[in-house]
Amino acid sequence: MDEERLIELEIRFAHQEETLRVLNDIVTRQQDRIERLEQICRQLAEKAMGAGDGVFKGTAADEVPPHY
């Protein structure tokens, strides 16, 4: 293998390593965001489930007026 070819392969390898590092950083950030969003969804689901059993206390303006 001649020296030019070896240098070209080393350069390609270096670029691929950098690309993998960048992609790994992106995937890691996405996973962190997914975990935060899942936590928010769980919290909202718990609030929604709790709202039906009288835990949620709204204001008088939120109440349905009686029908006459």
PDB file of N, CA and C in Angstrom:
ATOM      1  N   MET A   1       0.861  -1.173   0.000  1.00  0.00           N
ATOM      2  CA  MET A   1       0.000   0.000   0.000  1.00  0.00           C
ATOM      3  C   MET A   1       0.904   1.232   0.000  1.00  0.00           C
ATOM      4  N   ASP A   2       0.625   2.128  -0.933  1.00  0.00           N
ATOM      5  CA  ASP A   2       1.478   3.303  -0.993  1.00  0.00           C
ATOM      6  C   ASP A   2       1.086   4.327   0.079  1.00  0.00           C
ATOM      7  N   GLU A   3       1.983   5.246   0.311  1.00  0.00           N
ATOM      8  CA  GLU A   3       1.822   6.213   1.405  1.00  0.00           C
ATOM      9  C   GLU A   3       0.618   7.133   1.178  1.00  0.00           C
ATOM     10  N   GLU A   4       0.376   7.552  -0.063  1.00  0.00           N
ATOM     11  CA  GLU A   4      -0.760   8.418  -0.360  1.00  0.00           C
ATOM     12  C   GLU A   4      -2.082   7.755   0.025  1.00  0.00           C
ATOM     13  N   ARG A   5      -2.200   6.511  -0.326  1.00  0.00           N
ATOM     14  CA  ARG A   5      -3.418   5.749  -0.015  1.00  0.00           C
ATOM     15  C   ARG A   5      -3.603   5.612   1.487  1.00  0.00           C
ATOM     16  N   LEU A   6      -2.535   5.363   2.198  1.00  0.00           N
ATOM     17  CA  LEU A   6      -2.593   5.239   3.646  1.00  0.00           C
ATOM     18  C   LEU A   6      -3.021   6.554   4.292  1.00  0.00           C
ATOM     19  N   ILE A   7      -2.486   7.652   3.826  1.00  0.00           N
ATOM     20  CA  ILE A   7      -2.865   8.968   4.361  1.00  0.00           C
ATOM     21  C   ILE A   7      -4.344   9.241   4.095  1.00  0.00           C
ATOM     22  N   GLU A   8      -4.803   8.914   2.890  1.00  0.00           N
ATOM     23  CA  GLU A   8      -6.216   9.106   2.547  1.00  0.00           C
ATOM     24  C   GLU A   8      -7.119   8.290   3.477  1.00  0.00           C
ATOM     25  N   LEU A   9      -6.742   7.058   3.749  1.00  0.00           N
ATOM     26  CA  LEU A   9      -7.531   6.217   4.651  1.00  0.00           C
ATOM     27  C   LEU A   9      -7.531   6.761   6.075  1.00  0.00           C
ATOM     28  N   GLU A  10      -6.397   7.272   6.528  1.00  0.00           N
ATOM     29  CA  GLU A  10      -6.324   7.857   7.866  1.00  0.00           C
ATOM     30  C   GLU A  10      -7.210   9.093   7.980  1.00  0.00           C
ATOM     31  N   ILE A  11      -7.229   9.898   6.942  1.00  0.00           N
ATOM     32  CA  ILE A  11      -8.077  11.097   6.934  1.00  0.00           C
ATOM     33  C   ILE A  11      -9.546  10.695   6.971  1.00  0.00           C
ATOM     34  N   ARG A  12      -9.924   9.736   6.156  1.00  0.00           N
ATOM     35  CA  ARG A  12     -11.316   9.246   6.161  1.00  0.00           C
ATOM     36  C   ARG A  12     -11.703   8.709   7.537  1.00  0.00           C
ATOM     37  N   PHE A  13     -10.801   7.947   8.128  1.00  0.00           N
ATOM     38  CA  PHE A  13     -11.060   7.374   9.444  1.00  0.00           C
ATOM     39  C   PHE A  13     -11.265   8.482  10.484  1.00  0.00           C
ATOM     40  N   ALA A  14     -10.442   9.512  10.425  1.00  0.00           N
ATOM     41  CA  ALA A  14     -10.564  10.632  11.369  1.00  0.00           C
ATOM     42  C   ALA A  14     -11.913  11.328  11.199  1.00  0.00           C
ATOM     43  N   HIS A  15     -12.340  11.529   9.954  1.00  0.00           N
ATOM     44  CA  HIS A  15     -13.639  12.160   9.703  1.00  0.00           C
ATOM     45  C   HIS A  15     -14.779  11.277  10.215  1.00  0.00           C
ATOM     46  N   GLN A  16     -14.667   9.987  10.013  1.00  0.00           N
ATOM     47  CA  GLN A  16     -15.707   9.074  10.491  1.00  0.00           C
ATOM     48  C   GLN A  16     -15.772   9.063  12.014  1.00  0.00           C
ATOM     49  N   GLU A  17     -14.626   9.113  12.672  1.00  0.00           N
ATOM     50  CA  GLU A  17     -14.615   9.179  14.133  1.00  0.00           C
ATOM     51  C   GLU A  17     -15.318  10.442  14.625  1.00  0.00           C
ATOM     52  N   GLU A  18     -15.062  11.554  13.983  1.00  0.00           N
ATOM     53  CA  GLU A  18     -15.697  12.817  14.372  1.00  0.00           C
ATOM     54  C   GLU A  18     -17.205  12.750  14.141  1.00  0.00           C
ATOM     55  N   THR A  19     -17.609  12.195  13.014  1.00  0.00           N
ATOM     56  CA  THR A  19     -19.031  12.051  12.720  1.00  0.00           C
ATOM     57  C   THR A  19     -19.706  11.172  13.767  1.00  0.00           C
ATOM     58  N   LEU A  20     -19.081  10.082  14.139  1.00  0.00           N
ATOM     59  CA  LEU A  20     -19.642   9.205  15.173  1.00  0.00           C
ATOM     60  C   LEU A  20     -19.757   9.927  16.511  1.00  0.00           C
ATOM     61  N   ARG A  21     -18.764  10.727  16.850  1.00  0.00           N
ATOM     62  CA  ARG A  21     -18.809  11.475  18.107  1.00  0.00           C
ATOM     63  C   ARG A  21     -19.972  12.466  18.112  1.00  0.00           C
ATOM     64  N   VAL A  22     -20.139  13.176  17.006  1.00  0.00           N
ATOM     65  CA  VAL A  22     -21.235  14.153  16.892  1.00  0.00           C
ATOM     66  C   VAL A  22     -22.583  13.445  16.969  1.00  0.00           C
ATOM     67  N   LEU A  23     -22.731  12.356  16.239  1.00  0.00           N
ATOM     68  CA  LEU A  23     -23.992  11.613  16.261  1.00  0.00           C
ATOM     69  C   LEU A  23     -24.284  11.042  17.645  1.00  0.00           C
ATOM     70  N   ASN A  24     -23.267  10.577  18.336  1.00  0.00           N
ATOM     71  CA  ASN A  24     -23.449  10.067  19.688  1.00  0.00           C
ATOM     72  C   ASN A  24     -23.927  11.175  20.618  1.00  0.00           C
ATOM     73  N   ASP A  25     -23.360  12.370  20.485  1.00  0.00           N
ATOM     74  CA  ASP A  25     -23.799  13.513  21.302  1.00  0.00           C
ATOM     75  C   ASP A  25     -25.268  13.835  21.021  1.00  0.00           C
ATOM     76  N   ILE A  26     -25.654  13.802  19.766  1.00  0.00           N
ATOM     77  CA  ILE A  26     -27.040  14.097  19.397  1.00  0.00           C
ATOM     78  C   ILE A  26     -27.981  13.058  19.989  1.00  0.00           C
ATOM     79  N   VAL A  27     -27.639  11.792  19.863  1.00  0.00           N
ATOM     80  CA  VAL A  27     -28.488  10.721  20.389  1.00  0.00           C
ATOM     81  C   VAL A  27     -28.600  10.826  21.908  1.00  0.00           C
ATOM     82  N   THR A  28     -27.508  11.159  22.574  1.00  0.00           N
ATOM     83  CA  THR A  28     -27.524  11.312  24.031  1.00  0.00           C
ATOM     84  C   THR A  28     -28.452  12.452  24.439  1.00  0.00           C
ATOM     85  N   ARG A  29     -28.362  13.584  23.758  1.00  0.00           N
ATOM     86  CA  ARG A  29     -29.256  14.716  24.067  1.00  0.00           C
ATOM     87  C   ARG A  29     -30.719  14.359  23.793  1.00  0.00           C
ATOM     88  N   GLN A  30     -30.964  13.643  22.709  1.00  0.00           N
ATOM     89  CA  GLN A  30     -32.333  13.233  22.398  1.00  0.00           C
ATOM     90  C   GLN A  30     -32.876  12.299  23.466  1.00  0.00           C
ATOM     91  N   GLN A  31     -32.070  11.385  23.941  1.00  0.00           N
ATOM     92  CA  GLN A  31     -32.514  10.463  24.984  1.00  0.00           C
ATOM     93  C   GLN A  31     -32.836  11.217  26.269  1.00  0.00           C
ATOM     94  N   ASP A  32     -32.020  12.192  26.618  1.00  0.00           N
ATOM     95  CA  ASP A  32     -32.295  13.006  27.803  1.00  0.00           C
ATOM     96  C   ASP A  32     -33.634  13.737  27.644  1.00  0.00           C
ATOM     97  N   ARG A  33     -33.857  14.280  26.465  1.00  0.00           N
ATOM     98  CA  ARG A  33     -35.106  15.008  26.222  1.00  0.00           C
ATOM     99  C   ARG A  33     -36.312  14.065  26.270  1.00  0.00           C
ATOM    100  N   ILE A  34     -36.171  12.884  25.697  1.00  0.00           N
ATOM    101  CA  ILE A  34     -37.257  11.896  25.731  1.00  0.00           C
ATOM    102  C   ILE A  34     -37.594  11.539  27.170  1.00  0.00           C
ATOM    103  N   GLU A  35     -36.569  11.344  27.992  1.00  0.00           N
ATOM    104  CA  GLU A  35     -36.814  10.995  29.391  1.00  0.00           C
ATOM    105  C   GLU A  35     -37.528  12.122  30.125  1.00  0.00           C
ATOM    106  N   ARG A  36     -37.147  13.378  29.859  1.00  0.00           N
ATOM    107  CA  ARG A  36     -37.840  14.520  30.486  1.00  0.00           C
ATOM    108  C   ARG A  36     -39.292  14.588  30.028  1.00  0.00           C
ATOM    109  N   LEU A  37     -39.524  14.380  28.734  1.00  0.00           N
ATOM    110  CA  LEU A  37     -40.891  14.425  28.214  1.00  0.00           C
ATOM    111  C   LEU A  37     -41.744  13.291  28.779  1.00  0.00           C
ATOM    112  N   GLU A  38     -41.162  12.110  28.946  1.00  0.00           N
ATOM    113  CA  GLU A  38     -41.898  10.997  29.543  1.00  0.00           C
ATOM    114  C   GLU A  38     -42.272  11.319  30.990  1.00  0.00           C
ATOM    115  N   GLN A  39     -41.368  11.952  31.710  1.00  0.00           N
ATOM    116  CA  GLN A  39     -41.654  12.338  33.095  1.00  0.00           C
ATOM    117  C   GLN A  39     -42.798  13.356  33.136  1.00  0.00           C
ATOM    118  N   ILE A  40     -42.773  14.319  32.241  1.00  0.00           N
ATOM    119  CA  ILE A  40     -43.845  15.309  32.175  1.00  0.00           C
ATOM    120  C   ILE A  40     -45.175  14.629  31.853  1.00  0.00           C
ATOM    121  N   CYS A  41     -45.171  13.699  30.915  1.00  0.00           N
ATOM    122  CA  CYS A  41     -46.396  12.973  30.549  1.00  0.00           C
ATOM    123  C   CYS A  41     -46.944  12.193  31.738  1.00  0.00           C
ATOM    124  N   ARG A  42     -46.055  11.538  32.487  1.00  0.00           N
ATOM    125  CA  ARG A  42     -46.506  10.803  33.677  1.00  0.00           C
ATOM    126  C   ARG A  42     -47.135  11.746  34.692  1.00  0.00           C
ATOM    127  N   GLN A  43     -46.499  12.896  34.919  1.00  0.00           N
ATOM    128  CA  GLN A  43     -47.026  13.862  35.871  1.00  0.00           C
ATOM    129  C   GLN A  43     -48.390  14.381  35.421  1.00  0.00           C
ATOM    130  N   LEU A  44     -48.525  14.675  34.141  1.00  0.00           N
ATOM    131  CA  LEU A  44     -49.803  15.161  33.628  1.00  0.00           C
ATOM    132  C   LEU A  44     -50.881  14.087  33.727  1.00  0.00           C
ATOM    133  N   ALA A  45     -50.520  12.841  33.459  1.00  0.00           N
ATOM    134  CA  ALA A  45     -51.485  11.747  33.562  1.00  0.00           C
ATOM    135  C   ALA A  45     -51.942  11.585  35.008  1.00  0.00           C
ATOM    136  N   GLU A  46     -51.003  11.702  35.953  1.00  0.00           N
ATOM    137  CA  GLU A  46     -51.373  11.608  37.364  1.00  0.00           C
ATOM    138  C   GLU A  46     -52.311  12.744  37.765  1.00  0.00           C
ATOM    139  N   LYS A  47     -52.030  13.950  37.293  1.00  0.00           N
ATOM    140  CA  LYS A  47     -52.910  15.085  37.595  1.00  0.00           C
ATOM    141  C   LYS A  47     -54.291  14.871  36.993  1.00  0.00           C
ATOM    142  N   ALA A  48     -54.326  14.378  35.766  1.00  0.00           N
ATOM    143  CA  ALA A  48     -55.610  14.164  35.099  1.00  0.00           C
ATOM    144  C   ALA A  48     -56.419  13.095  35.820  1.00  0.00           C
ATOM    145  N   MET A  49     -55.767  12.037  36.266  1.00  0.00           N
ATOM    146  CA  MET A  49     -56.467  10.976  36.979  1.00  0.00           C
ATOM    147  C   MET A  49     -56.954  11.487  38.336  1.00  0.00           C
ATOM    148  N   GLY A  50     -56.180  12.325  38.989  1.00  0.00           N
ATOM    149  CA  GLY A  50     -56.550  12.878  40.276  1.00  0.00           C
ATOM    150  C   GLY A  50     -57.657  13.912  40.169  1.00  0.00           C
ATOM    151  N   ALA A  51     -57.796  14.541  39.027  1.00  0.00           N
ATOM    152  CA  ALA A  51     -58.804  15.586  38.862  1.00  0.00           C
ATOM    153  C   ALA A  51     -60.217  15.013  38.907  1.00  0.00           C
ATOM    154  N   GLY A  52     -60.388  13.761  38.541  1.00  0.00           N
ATOM    155  CA  GLY A  52     -61.712  13.167  38.503  1.00  0.00           C
ATOM    156  C   GLY A  52     -62.241  12.754  39.859  1.00  0.00           C
ATOM    157  N   ASP A  53     -61.411  12.620  40.858  1.00  0.00           N
ATOM    158  CA  ASP A  53     -61.887  12.158  42.167  1.00  0.00           C
ATOM    159  C   ASP A  53     -61.984  13.273  43.199  1.00  0.00           C
ATOM    160  N   GLY A  54     -62.214  14.479  42.752  1.00  0.00           N
ATOM    161  CA  GLY A  54     -62.460  15.577  43.675  1.00  0.00           C
ATOM    162  C   GLY A  54     -61.206  16.227  44.219  1.00  0.00           C
ATOM    163  N   VAL A  55     -60.047  15.791  43.798  1.00  0.00           N
ATOM    164  CA  VAL A  55     -58.817  16.395  44.294  1.00  0.00           C
ATOM    165  C   VAL A  55     -58.658  17.794  43.719  1.00  0.00           C
ATOM    166  N   PHE A  56     -59.063  17.970  42.477  1.00  0.00           N
ATOM    167  CA  PHE A  56     -58.969  19.274  41.836  1.00  0.00           C
ATOM    168  C   PHE A  56     -60.080  20.169  42.355  1.00  0.00           C
ATOM    169  N   LYS A  57     -59.708  21.264  42.940  1.00  0.00           N
ATOM    170  CA  LYS A  57     -60.690  22.226  43.445  1.00  0.00           C
ATOM    171  C   LYS A  57     -60.610  23.477  42.590  1.00  0.00           C
ATOM    172  N   GLY A  58     -61.612  23.681  41.782  1.00  0.00           N
ATOM    173  CA  GLY A  58     -61.651  24.858  40.942  1.00  0.00           C
ATOM    174  C   GLY A  58     -62.295  26.028  41.670  1.00  0.00           C
ATOM    175  N   THR A  59     -62.371  27.135  41.001  1.00  0.00           N
ATOM    176  CA  THR A  59     -63.019  28.317  41.560  1.00  0.00           C
ATOM    177  C   THR A  59     -64.516  28.242  41.290  1.00  0.00           C
ATOM    178  N   ALA A  60     -65.259  29.159  41.879  1.00  0.00           N
ATOM    179  CA  ALA A  60     -66.703  29.197  41.672  1.00  0.00           C
ATOM    180  C   ALA A  60     -67.040  29.396  40.187  1.00  0.00           C
ATOM    181  N   ALA A  61     -66.199  30.099  39.478  1.00  0.00           N
ATOM    182  CA  ALA A  61     -66.424  30.332  38.050  1.00  0.00           C
ATOM    183  C   ALA A  61     -66.290  29.040  37.248  1.00  0.00           C
ATOM    184  N   ASP A  62     -65.581  28.039  37.781  1.00  0.00           N
ATOM    185  CA  ASP A  62     -65.410  26.774  37.097  1.00  0.00           C
ATOM    186  C   ASP A  62     -66.604  25.842  37.279  1.00  0.00           C
ATOM    187  N   GLU A  63     -67.425  26.107  38.269  1.00  0.00           N
ATOM    188  CA  GLU A  63     -68.555  25.219  38.561  1.00  0.00           C
ATOM    189  C   GLU A  63     -69.681  25.439  37.551  1.00  0.00           C
ATOM    190  N   VAL A  64     -70.393  24.368  37.261  1.00  0.00           N
ATOM    191  CA  VAL A  64     -71.533  24.441  36.367  1.00  0.00           C
ATOM    192  C   VAL A  64     -72.725  24.970  37.177  1.00  0.00           C
ATOM    193  N   PRO A  65     -73.402  25.997  36.675  1.00  0.00           N
ATOM    194  CA  PRO A  65     -74.535  26.528  37.443  1.00  0.00           C
ATOM    195  C   PRO A  65     -75.688  25.528  37.451  1.00  0.00           C
ATOM    196  N   PRO A  66     -76.470  25.546  38.511  1.00  0.00           N
ATOM    197  CA  PRO A  66     -77.610  24.625  38.572  1.00  0.00           C
ATOM    198  C   PRO A  66     -78.655  25.003  37.517  1.00  0.00           C
ATOM    199  N   HIS A  67     -79.332  23.994  37.010  1.00  0.00           N
ATOM    200  CA  HIS A  67     -80.379  24.232  36.019  1.00  0.00           C
ATOM    201  C   HIS A  67     -81.709  24.393  36.729  1.00  0.00           C
ATOM    202  N   TYR A  68     -82.466  25.411  36.385  1.00  0.00           N
ATOM    203  CA  TYR A  68     -83.756  25.664  37.011  1.00  0.00           C
ATOM    204  C   TYR A  68     -84.887  25.234  36.122  1.00  0.00           C
TER     205      TYR A  68
END
